[in-house]
N, C-alpha and C. Protein backbone atom coordinates (compact mmCIF):
# COMPACT_ATOMS: atom_id res chain seq x y z
N MET A 1 -6.91 -10.82 56.59
CA MET A 1 -8.08 -11.14 56.35
C MET A 1 -8.49 -9.40 56.25
N THR A 2 -9.31 -9.30 54.73
CA THR A 2 -9.32 -8.20 54.27
C THR A 2 -10.75 -8.00 54.31
N THR A 3 -11.45 -6.65 54.71
CA THR A 3 -12.72 -6.64 54.57
C THR A 3 -13.00 -5.38 53.78
N MET A 4 -14.59 -5.91 53.02
CA MET A 4 -14.67 -4.30 52.13
C MET A 4 -15.67 -3.95 52.51
N THR A 5 -15.48 -2.87 52.71
CA THR A 5 -16.27 -1.97 53.14
C THR A 5 -17.44 -1.02 51.72
N PRO A 6 -18.89 -1.45 51.53
CA PRO A 6 -19.24 -0.93 50.75
C PRO A 6 -19.17 0.18 50.42
N ARG A 7 -19.32 1.08 49.47
CA ARG A 7 -19.08 2.45 49.27
C ARG A 7 -20.41 2.62 48.58
N ILE A 8 -21.05 3.71 49.56
CA ILE A 8 -22.47 4.86 49.41
C ILE A 8 -22.02 5.57 48.62
N GLN A 9 -22.80 5.46 47.25
CA GLN A 9 -22.69 6.39 46.19
C GLN A 9 -23.81 7.20 46.47
N HIS A 10 -24.08 8.40 46.34
CA HIS A 10 -24.52 9.59 46.19
C HIS A 10 -24.48 10.26 44.43
N ASP A 11 -26.09 10.65 44.87
CA ASP A 11 -25.95 11.48 42.79
C ASP A 11 -25.57 12.29 43.50
N PRO A 12 -25.09 13.66 42.61
CA PRO A 12 -24.76 14.26 42.83
C PRO A 12 -25.28 15.36 42.01
N ARG A 13 -26.08 15.27 41.03
CA ARG A 13 -27.15 16.03 40.85
C ARG A 13 -28.14 16.80 41.51
N PRO A 14 -28.38 18.59 41.27
CA PRO A 14 -28.93 18.72 42.26
C PRO A 14 -30.57 18.58 41.91
N PRO A 15 -31.47 18.86 42.77
CA PRO A 15 -32.96 17.73 42.90
C PRO A 15 -33.03 19.01 40.95
N ARG A 16 -34.42 18.37 40.36
CA ARG A 16 -34.75 18.11 39.15
C ARG A 16 -36.04 19.23 39.80
N LEU A 17 -36.56 19.63 38.45
CA LEU A 17 -37.98 19.98 38.73
C LEU A 17 -38.52 19.52 38.09
N ALA A 18 -39.93 19.67 39.03
CA ALA A 18 -41.25 18.78 39.17
C ALA A 18 -41.53 18.77 37.48
N PRO A 19 -41.94 18.05 36.76
CA PRO A 19 -42.39 17.93 35.49
C PRO A 19 -43.53 18.88 35.34
N GLY A 20 -43.80 19.44 34.62
CA GLY A 20 -44.86 20.10 34.45
C GLY A 20 -44.69 21.62 33.36
N HIS A 21 -45.59 22.68 33.01
CA HIS A 21 -44.89 24.07 32.78
C HIS A 21 -44.60 24.81 33.68
N TRP A 22 -43.25 25.76 33.34
CA TRP A 22 -42.94 26.39 33.86
C TRP A 22 -42.67 28.07 33.48
N ARG A 23 -42.72 28.91 34.15
CA ARG A 23 -42.58 30.32 33.15
C ARG A 23 -41.60 31.24 33.82
N VAL A 24 -40.69 31.53 33.17
CA VAL A 24 -39.92 32.83 33.39
C VAL A 24 -40.74 33.86 34.01
N ASN A 25 -39.91 34.38 35.14
CA ASN A 25 -40.54 35.38 35.66
C ASN A 25 -39.71 36.63 35.35
N PRO A 26 -39.76 37.86 34.58
CA PRO A 26 -39.61 38.62 34.30
C PRO A 26 -39.23 39.30 35.23
N ALA A 27 -39.62 39.77 36.54
CA ALA A 27 -38.82 40.88 37.36
C ALA A 27 -37.83 40.34 38.13
N HIS A 28 -37.56 39.52 37.66
CA HIS A 28 -35.74 38.67 38.34
C HIS A 28 -35.35 37.27 37.69
N SER A 29 -35.68 37.88 36.00
CA SER A 29 -34.81 37.61 35.20
C SER A 29 -33.85 38.18 33.94
N HIS A 30 -32.47 38.33 33.37
CA HIS A 30 -32.15 39.17 32.93
C HIS A 30 -31.49 38.63 32.18
N ALA A 31 -30.18 39.20 30.65
CA ALA A 31 -29.34 38.78 30.24
C ALA A 31 -28.44 39.84 30.64
N SER A 32 -27.29 39.41 31.21
CA SER A 32 -26.16 40.58 30.82
C SER A 32 -24.89 40.22 29.93
N PHE A 33 -23.90 41.23 29.45
CA PHE A 33 -23.03 40.66 28.74
C PHE A 33 -22.25 41.80 28.57
N ASP A 34 -21.06 41.34 28.60
CA ASP A 34 -19.66 42.06 28.33
C ASP A 34 -18.88 42.07 27.19
N ALA A 35 -18.46 42.85 26.57
CA ALA A 35 -17.32 43.36 25.98
C ALA A 35 -17.00 44.12 25.45
N ARG A 36 -15.56 43.98 24.82
CA ARG A 36 -14.06 44.95 24.80
C ARG A 36 -15.00 45.60 23.36
N VAL A 37 -14.58 47.12 23.60
CA VAL A 37 -14.77 47.90 22.91
C VAL A 37 -13.29 49.15 22.97
N ALA A 38 -12.52 49.24 22.45
CA ALA A 38 -11.40 49.88 22.60
C ALA A 38 -10.10 49.53 23.82
N GLY A 39 -10.60 48.65 24.15
CA GLY A 39 -9.84 48.39 25.11
C GLY A 39 -10.55 48.72 26.85
N CYS A 40 -11.74 49.26 26.54
CA CYS A 40 -12.53 49.23 27.30
C CYS A 40 -13.78 48.54 27.85
N LEU A 41 -14.40 47.97 28.71
CA LEU A 41 -14.87 46.82 28.63
C LEU A 41 -16.69 47.54 28.76
N VAL A 42 -17.72 47.01 28.10
CA VAL A 42 -18.79 47.85 27.95
C VAL A 42 -19.56 46.56 28.83
N ARG A 43 -20.78 47.41 29.69
CA ARG A 43 -21.86 46.20 29.90
C ARG A 43 -22.80 46.22 29.77
N GLY A 44 -23.70 45.44 30.08
CA GLY A 44 -25.08 46.07 29.56
C GLY A 44 -25.94 45.03 29.84
N SER A 45 -27.70 45.22 29.89
CA SER A 45 -28.64 43.32 30.38
C SER A 45 -29.13 44.04 29.23
N LEU A 46 -30.41 43.13 29.60
CA LEU A 46 -31.71 42.96 28.75
C LEU A 46 -32.05 41.90 29.76
N PRO A 47 -33.89 42.64 29.92
CA PRO A 47 -35.20 41.78 30.24
C PRO A 47 -34.94 40.60 29.71
N LEU A 48 -35.27 39.46 30.66
CA LEU A 48 -35.94 37.51 29.97
C LEU A 48 -37.10 37.58 30.24
N VAL A 49 -37.45 36.63 28.93
CA VAL A 49 -39.00 36.14 29.00
C VAL A 49 -38.97 35.09 28.70
N GLY A 50 -39.81 34.22 29.08
CA GLY A 50 -40.17 32.67 28.69
C GLY A 50 -40.58 31.80 29.28
N GLY A 51 -40.10 30.76 29.12
CA GLY A 51 -40.85 29.47 29.62
C GLY A 51 -40.05 28.12 29.34
N ALA A 52 -40.45 26.79 30.32
CA ALA A 52 -40.13 25.87 30.07
C ALA A 52 -41.11 24.73 30.27
N VAL A 53 -40.79 23.24 29.40
CA VAL A 53 -41.28 22.54 29.89
C VAL A 53 -40.59 21.48 30.47
N ILE A 54 -40.94 21.08 31.22
CA ILE A 54 -39.80 19.56 32.02
C ILE A 54 -41.01 18.68 32.13
N ALA A 55 -39.50 17.30 30.92
CA ALA A 55 -40.51 16.34 30.84
C ALA A 55 -40.02 15.39 31.47
N GLU A 56 -40.70 13.99 31.51
CA GLU A 56 -39.47 12.86 31.98
C GLU A 56 -39.53 11.79 30.40
N PRO A 57 -38.85 11.56 29.96
CA PRO A 57 -37.04 11.80 30.64
C PRO A 57 -36.84 13.26 30.44
N ILE A 58 -36.02 13.85 31.10
CA ILE A 58 -35.45 15.05 31.38
C ILE A 58 -35.02 15.50 29.98
N GLU A 59 -34.54 14.30 29.03
CA GLU A 59 -33.69 15.05 27.54
C GLU A 59 -34.90 15.68 27.03
N ASP A 60 -36.14 15.09 27.35
CA ASP A 60 -37.38 15.38 26.67
C ASP A 60 -37.79 17.39 26.99
N SER A 61 -37.45 17.84 27.75
CA SER A 61 -37.20 18.91 28.44
C SER A 61 -37.16 19.83 27.52
N THR A 62 -37.85 20.91 26.70
CA THR A 62 -37.51 22.04 26.21
C THR A 62 -37.91 23.88 26.78
N ALA A 63 -37.21 24.36 26.89
CA ALA A 63 -37.14 25.93 27.14
C ALA A 63 -36.63 26.90 25.69
N HIS A 64 -37.97 27.95 26.32
CA HIS A 64 -37.66 29.11 25.91
C HIS A 64 -37.45 30.43 25.84
N LEU A 65 -36.36 31.26 25.51
CA LEU A 65 -36.05 32.52 26.65
C LEU A 65 -36.07 33.56 25.04
N ALA A 66 -36.47 34.69 25.36
CA ALA A 66 -36.12 35.83 24.71
C ALA A 66 -35.50 36.93 25.39
N ALA A 67 -35.05 37.81 24.70
CA ALA A 67 -34.62 39.38 24.91
C ALA A 67 -35.24 40.14 24.40
N ARG A 68 -35.81 41.10 24.65
CA ARG A 68 -36.24 42.76 24.04
C ARG A 68 -34.65 43.40 23.26
N THR A 69 -35.25 43.51 22.11
CA THR A 69 -33.21 44.03 22.14
C THR A 69 -33.18 45.56 21.75
N SER A 70 -34.99 46.04 21.83
CA SER A 70 -35.07 47.97 22.52
C SER A 70 -34.95 47.69 23.80
N ALA A 71 -34.84 46.88 24.41
CA ALA A 71 -34.43 46.86 26.04
C ALA A 71 -33.14 47.43 26.73
N VAL A 72 -32.48 47.27 25.59
CA VAL A 72 -31.11 47.27 26.28
C VAL A 72 -30.32 48.31 26.80
N SER A 73 -29.79 48.30 28.09
CA SER A 73 -29.47 49.19 29.18
C SER A 73 -28.12 49.02 29.75
N THR A 74 -27.49 50.21 29.27
CA THR A 74 -25.79 49.96 29.57
C THR A 74 -25.44 51.22 31.00
N GLY A 75 -26.65 51.57 31.33
CA GLY A 75 -25.98 52.93 31.66
C GLY A 75 -25.93 54.56 30.77
N SER A 76 -26.26 54.38 29.31
CA SER A 76 -25.43 55.29 28.69
C SER A 76 -26.60 55.49 27.69
N LEU A 77 -27.66 56.38 27.26
CA LEU A 77 -28.53 56.41 26.70
C LEU A 77 -27.98 56.99 25.63
N ALA A 78 -26.85 57.27 24.84
CA ALA A 78 -25.89 57.65 23.52
C ALA A 78 -25.66 55.85 23.25
N LEU A 79 -24.99 55.43 24.14
CA LEU A 79 -24.64 53.90 23.91
C LEU A 79 -25.73 52.70 23.41
N ASP A 80 -26.65 52.93 24.42
CA ASP A 80 -27.84 52.19 24.50
C ASP A 80 -28.58 52.32 22.36
N ARG A 81 -28.82 53.74 22.61
CA ARG A 81 -28.65 53.71 20.85
C ARG A 81 -27.86 53.12 19.48
N LEU A 82 -26.97 53.54 19.82
CA LEU A 82 -26.45 53.09 19.17
C LEU A 82 -26.12 51.41 19.30
N LEU A 83 -26.51 50.56 20.06
CA LEU A 83 -26.72 49.26 20.26
C LEU A 83 -28.05 48.88 19.34
N THR A 84 -28.98 49.60 20.12
CA THR A 84 -30.32 48.86 19.26
C THR A 84 -30.70 49.70 18.09
N GLY A 85 -29.37 50.35 17.23
CA GLY A 85 -29.76 50.70 16.32
C GLY A 85 -29.44 49.87 14.41
N PRO A 86 -29.18 50.12 13.53
CA PRO A 86 -29.51 49.89 12.51
C PRO A 86 -27.88 48.87 12.77
N GLY A 87 -26.75 49.84 13.16
CA GLY A 87 -25.69 48.94 12.77
C GLY A 87 -25.15 47.99 13.95
N PHE A 88 -26.18 47.56 14.68
CA PHE A 88 -25.80 46.85 15.93
C PHE A 88 -27.15 45.42 16.01
N LEU A 89 -27.49 45.50 17.04
CA LEU A 89 -29.18 44.76 17.36
C LEU A 89 -29.69 45.30 15.94
N ASP A 90 -30.39 46.27 15.16
CA ASP A 90 -31.28 46.65 14.49
C ASP A 90 -33.10 46.26 15.13
N ALA A 91 -33.06 47.12 16.22
CA ALA A 91 -34.04 46.57 17.09
C ALA A 91 -35.57 46.97 16.66
N GLY A 92 -35.50 47.38 15.61
CA GLY A 92 -36.62 48.49 14.86
C GLY A 92 -36.82 46.52 14.32
N ALA A 93 -35.96 46.29 13.19
CA ALA A 93 -35.83 45.24 11.88
C ALA A 93 -35.83 43.58 12.93
N PHE A 94 -35.53 43.98 14.51
CA PHE A 94 -35.57 42.43 14.89
C PHE A 94 -35.80 42.71 16.62
N PRO A 95 -36.75 42.47 17.27
CA PRO A 95 -37.29 43.11 17.69
C PRO A 95 -36.60 41.98 19.35
N GLU A 96 -36.01 40.59 18.71
CA GLU A 96 -35.78 39.54 20.18
C GLU A 96 -34.45 38.93 19.57
N ILE A 97 -33.53 38.64 20.87
CA ILE A 97 -32.72 37.53 20.63
C ILE A 97 -33.70 36.60 21.35
N THR A 98 -33.53 35.46 20.86
CA THR A 98 -34.05 34.35 21.58
C THR A 98 -33.14 32.97 21.58
N PHE A 99 -33.63 32.16 22.68
CA PHE A 99 -33.04 30.74 22.43
C PHE A 99 -33.85 29.97 23.02
N ARG A 100 -33.74 28.30 22.29
CA ARG A 100 -34.75 27.64 21.97
C ARG A 100 -33.72 26.18 22.44
N SER A 101 -34.24 25.63 23.73
CA SER A 101 -33.26 24.73 23.71
C SER A 101 -33.59 23.42 22.83
N GLU A 102 -32.94 22.20 22.36
CA GLU A 102 -33.49 20.80 21.76
C GLU A 102 -33.12 19.69 22.77
N LEU A 103 -31.70 20.02 23.58
CA LEU A 103 -31.04 18.97 24.53
C LEU A 103 -31.34 19.54 25.82
N LEU A 104 -31.70 18.79 27.22
CA LEU A 104 -31.11 19.18 28.22
C LEU A 104 -30.63 17.98 28.37
N ALA A 105 -29.40 18.09 29.22
CA ALA A 105 -28.65 16.52 29.88
C ALA A 105 -27.71 17.18 31.16
N TRP A 106 -28.00 15.84 31.95
CA TRP A 106 -27.01 15.56 32.65
C TRP A 106 -25.68 14.97 32.43
N VAL A 107 -24.72 15.37 32.63
CA VAL A 107 -23.18 15.32 32.49
C VAL A 107 -22.56 15.02 33.46
N PRO A 108 -21.30 14.45 33.57
CA PRO A 108 -20.74 14.46 35.31
C PRO A 108 -20.43 15.63 36.29
N ALA A 109 -20.16 17.05 34.71
CA ALA A 109 -19.78 17.96 35.27
C ALA A 109 -20.95 18.97 35.33
N GLY A 110 -22.11 18.88 35.43
CA GLY A 110 -23.20 19.30 36.27
C GLY A 110 -24.16 19.41 34.61
N TRP A 111 -25.56 20.08 34.56
CA TRP A 111 -26.71 20.07 34.08
C TRP A 111 -26.06 20.98 32.66
N ARG A 112 -26.59 20.50 31.04
CA ARG A 112 -25.99 21.22 30.08
C ARG A 112 -27.27 21.45 28.92
N ALA A 113 -26.96 22.38 28.56
CA ALA A 113 -28.63 22.33 27.61
C ALA A 113 -27.96 22.79 25.76
N VAL A 114 -28.25 22.52 24.98
CA VAL A 114 -27.89 22.58 23.95
C VAL A 114 -28.74 22.81 23.04
N GLY A 115 -28.79 24.20 22.22
CA GLY A 115 -30.15 24.46 21.61
C GLY A 115 -29.67 25.93 19.92
N ARG A 116 -30.53 26.52 19.72
CA ARG A 116 -29.89 27.95 19.25
C ARG A 116 -30.26 28.73 19.57
N LEU A 117 -29.68 30.08 18.94
CA LEU A 117 -29.74 30.87 19.62
C LEU A 117 -29.85 31.56 18.49
N ARG A 118 -31.30 32.51 18.50
CA ARG A 118 -31.19 33.36 16.98
C ARG A 118 -31.02 35.13 17.26
N VAL A 119 -30.30 35.16 16.14
CA VAL A 119 -30.26 36.79 16.54
C VAL A 119 -30.07 37.10 15.15
N LYS A 120 -30.85 38.52 15.22
CA LYS A 120 -31.12 38.84 14.00
C LYS A 120 -31.42 38.01 12.67
N ASP A 121 -32.28 36.77 13.08
CA ASP A 121 -32.78 36.11 11.91
C ASP A 121 -31.95 35.38 11.57
N THR A 122 -30.57 34.84 12.30
CA THR A 122 -30.02 33.86 11.73
C THR A 122 -29.41 32.82 13.25
N GLU A 123 -29.69 31.63 13.06
CA GLU A 123 -29.63 30.68 13.93
C GLU A 123 -28.44 30.30 14.33
N HIS A 124 -28.35 29.97 15.44
CA HIS A 124 -26.46 30.03 15.75
C HIS A 124 -26.35 28.96 17.08
N GLU A 125 -25.98 27.32 16.81
CA GLU A 125 -26.12 26.57 17.30
C GLU A 125 -25.48 26.91 18.67
N LEU A 126 -25.44 26.29 19.91
CA LEU A 126 -25.22 26.55 21.34
C LEU A 126 -25.28 25.90 21.86
N ALA A 127 -24.57 25.37 23.29
CA ALA A 127 -24.28 24.34 24.23
C ALA A 127 -23.95 25.62 25.42
N CYS A 128 -24.67 25.25 26.83
CA CYS A 128 -23.73 25.79 27.71
C CYS A 128 -24.50 25.35 28.98
N GLN A 129 -23.95 25.83 29.61
CA GLN A 129 -23.86 25.01 31.08
C GLN A 129 -25.24 25.62 32.10
N LEU A 130 -25.72 24.60 32.86
CA LEU A 130 -26.46 25.12 33.77
C LEU A 130 -26.21 25.02 35.22
N ASP A 131 -26.57 26.46 35.86
CA ASP A 131 -26.43 25.97 37.67
C ASP A 131 -27.90 26.72 37.94
N LEU A 132 -28.38 25.33 38.90
CA LEU A 132 -29.84 25.55 39.63
C LEU A 132 -29.72 25.85 41.18
N HIS A 133 -30.55 27.07 41.37
CA HIS A 133 -29.95 27.87 42.66
C HIS A 133 -31.57 27.68 43.47
N PRO A 134 -31.88 26.98 44.12
CA PRO A 134 -33.26 26.77 44.73
C PRO A 134 -33.03 28.26 44.96
N ASP A 135 -34.73 28.77 44.82
CA ASP A 135 -34.83 30.45 45.45
C ASP A 135 -35.11 29.85 47.18
N GLY A 136 -35.08 31.43 48.28
CA GLY A 136 -35.39 30.41 49.51
C GLY A 136 -36.95 30.81 49.25
N ILE A 137 -37.22 29.93 49.87
CA ILE A 137 -38.76 29.41 49.56
C ILE A 137 -39.18 29.63 51.12
N GLN A 138 -40.24 30.45 51.65
CA GLN A 138 -41.47 29.98 52.61
C GLN A 138 -42.42 28.90 52.08
N PRO A 139 -43.15 28.66 53.55
CA PRO A 139 -43.97 27.40 53.71
C PRO A 139 -45.33 28.09 52.49
N GLY A 140 -45.66 27.18 52.08
CA GLY A 140 -46.60 27.45 51.12
C GLY A 140 -47.06 28.55 49.86
N ASP A 141 -45.35 28.91 49.88
CA ASP A 141 -44.79 29.65 47.91
C ASP A 141 -44.82 28.62 47.41
N PRO A 142 -44.64 28.91 45.76
CA PRO A 142 -44.96 27.95 45.12
C PRO A 142 -43.52 27.92 44.76
N PRO A 143 -42.92 26.74 44.13
CA PRO A 143 -41.86 26.87 44.32
C PRO A 143 -40.92 27.05 43.81
N ARG A 144 -39.56 28.08 43.38
CA ARG A 144 -39.17 28.79 42.24
C ARG A 144 -37.59 28.35 42.21
N ILE A 145 -37.13 28.50 41.16
CA ILE A 145 -35.63 28.10 40.71
C ILE A 145 -35.23 29.15 40.12
N THR A 146 -33.85 29.40 40.47
CA THR A 146 -33.12 30.78 39.93
C THR A 146 -32.04 29.42 38.93
N ILE A 147 -31.76 29.55 37.49
CA ILE A 147 -30.69 29.29 36.89
C ILE A 147 -30.05 30.13 36.06
N THR A 148 -28.72 30.10 36.53
CA THR A 148 -27.91 30.93 35.38
C THR A 148 -26.74 29.79 34.46
N SER A 149 -26.60 31.09 33.51
CA SER A 149 -26.32 30.34 32.35
C SER A 149 -25.00 31.41 31.70
N SER A 150 -23.65 30.86 31.66
CA SER A 150 -22.80 31.45 30.38
C SER A 150 -22.80 31.54 29.07
N TRP A 151 -22.50 32.45 28.56
CA TRP A 151 -22.49 31.69 27.20
C TRP A 151 -21.44 32.70 26.39
N VAL A 152 -20.75 32.34 25.32
CA VAL A 152 -19.59 33.24 24.52
C VAL A 152 -19.95 33.03 23.03
N ILE A 153 -20.18 34.62 22.66
CA ILE A 153 -21.13 34.30 21.33
C ILE A 153 -20.39 35.33 20.35
N ASP A 154 -20.20 35.17 19.54
CA ASP A 154 -19.59 36.00 18.92
C ASP A 154 -19.59 37.35 17.65
N SER A 155 -19.30 38.33 17.89
CA SER A 155 -19.35 39.90 17.88
C SER A 155 -20.34 40.18 16.34
N ARG A 156 -19.71 38.92 15.54
CA ARG A 156 -20.16 39.35 14.32
C ARG A 156 -21.32 38.55 14.08
N TRP A 157 -22.02 38.19 15.49
CA TRP A 157 -23.47 37.75 14.94
C TRP A 157 -24.64 38.93 15.57
N VAL A 158 -24.11 39.87 16.40
CA VAL A 158 -24.61 41.20 17.00
C VAL A 158 -24.06 42.36 15.22
N THR A 159 -23.58 42.66 15.20
CA THR A 159 -23.21 43.52 13.55
C THR A 159 -22.41 42.99 12.94
N THR A 160 -22.33 43.17 11.14
CA THR A 160 -21.86 42.68 9.88
C THR A 160 -20.83 43.59 9.73
N LYS A 161 -20.85 45.06 10.77
CA LYS A 161 -19.74 46.20 9.95
C LYS A 161 -18.42 46.43 10.95
N TRP A 162 -17.82 46.20 10.18
CA TRP A 162 -16.43 46.63 11.00
C TRP A 162 -16.71 47.67 12.09
N VAL A 163 -15.96 47.60 13.19
CA VAL A 163 -15.94 48.56 14.37
C VAL A 163 -14.70 48.32 14.51
N PRO A 164 -13.91 49.15 14.62
CA PRO A 164 -12.73 49.47 14.98
C PRO A 164 -12.32 48.76 16.72
N ALA A 165 -11.38 48.05 16.75
CA ALA A 165 -10.86 47.94 18.25
C ALA A 165 -11.97 46.46 18.60
N LEU A 166 -12.91 46.35 18.09
CA LEU A 166 -14.48 45.65 18.97
C LEU A 166 -13.88 44.24 19.06
N GLY A 167 -13.92 43.76 20.35
CA GLY A 167 -13.12 42.40 20.40
C GLY A 167 -14.47 41.19 19.92
N ARG A 168 -13.96 40.12 19.56
CA ARG A 168 -15.30 39.44 18.69
C ARG A 168 -15.45 38.46 20.05
N ARG A 169 -15.11 38.63 21.36
CA ARG A 169 -15.95 37.59 21.74
C ARG A 169 -17.22 38.98 22.98
N ILE A 170 -18.07 38.01 22.90
CA ILE A 170 -19.45 39.04 24.19
C ILE A 170 -19.37 37.92 25.01
N VAL A 171 -19.47 38.04 26.48
CA VAL A 171 -19.74 36.81 27.30
C VAL A 171 -21.06 38.01 27.28
N MET A 172 -21.73 36.30 27.57
CA MET A 172 -23.49 36.84 28.35
C MET A 172 -24.22 35.59 29.04
N THR A 173 -24.25 36.42 30.17
CA THR A 173 -25.03 35.45 31.50
C THR A 173 -26.24 35.75 31.37
N CYS A 174 -26.99 34.37 31.30
CA CYS A 174 -28.40 34.17 31.61
C CYS A 174 -28.87 34.04 33.22
N SER A 175 -29.85 34.76 33.49
CA SER A 175 -30.23 34.73 35.43
C SER A 175 -31.77 34.63 35.08
N PHE A 176 -32.42 33.49 35.19
CA PHE A 176 -34.25 33.62 35.27
C PHE A 176 -34.71 32.49 36.31
N SER A 177 -35.65 32.82 36.28
CA SER A 177 -35.51 32.91 37.71
C SER A 177 -37.35 32.06 37.09
N LEU A 178 -37.90 30.22 37.11
CA LEU A 178 -38.65 29.91 36.76
C LEU A 178 -39.91 29.37 38.17
N GLU A 179 -40.90 29.49 37.76
CA GLU A 179 -42.11 29.03 38.61
C GLU A 179 -43.14 28.22 38.01
N PRO A 180 -43.84 27.80 38.67
CA PRO A 180 -44.85 26.64 38.02
C PRO A 180 -45.67 27.77 37.38
N ASP A 181 -46.12 27.62 36.43
CA ASP A 181 -47.07 28.58 35.10
C ASP A 181 -48.48 27.30 35.39
N MET A 182 -49.35 28.16 36.04
CA MET A 182 -50.58 27.99 36.85
C MET A 182 -51.74 28.25 35.66
């Protein structure tokens, strides 16, 4: 005689954000990048602002992130000036890089966002994985969550000029803290 024990299925999804309006806390949010130039790794970051509207169903949720191009920080003033100048980000003409989501979905491998990245007034389709990390919250504190996402963008989206030994791939990681927008 064979007996079958029912399998208890657990939902592996992380807890969802409550429906409503959420804002990016700029003090705890940034986009960082890594690029290879002449075999050397160049790292930098930009502060992030933005927000999200969490809806039911979750697929109707939207998010918007913006990075001020004039705020690039690599640790080198000369390199920062080069990156914000007309040959690269052209911060005077294009003050922001933005991402606007069009779809948020749960797939077996985790949360995914699909949207449009706007660099220098040109939109590029982008899909990314989202990793949610609940922040250590004390009783009575408003809910917060940090979301991280890594993207690989084409260096031609940043500069149309040929730059000797500039790698084609730029890896960006966005880390942003969401708080209820009250």
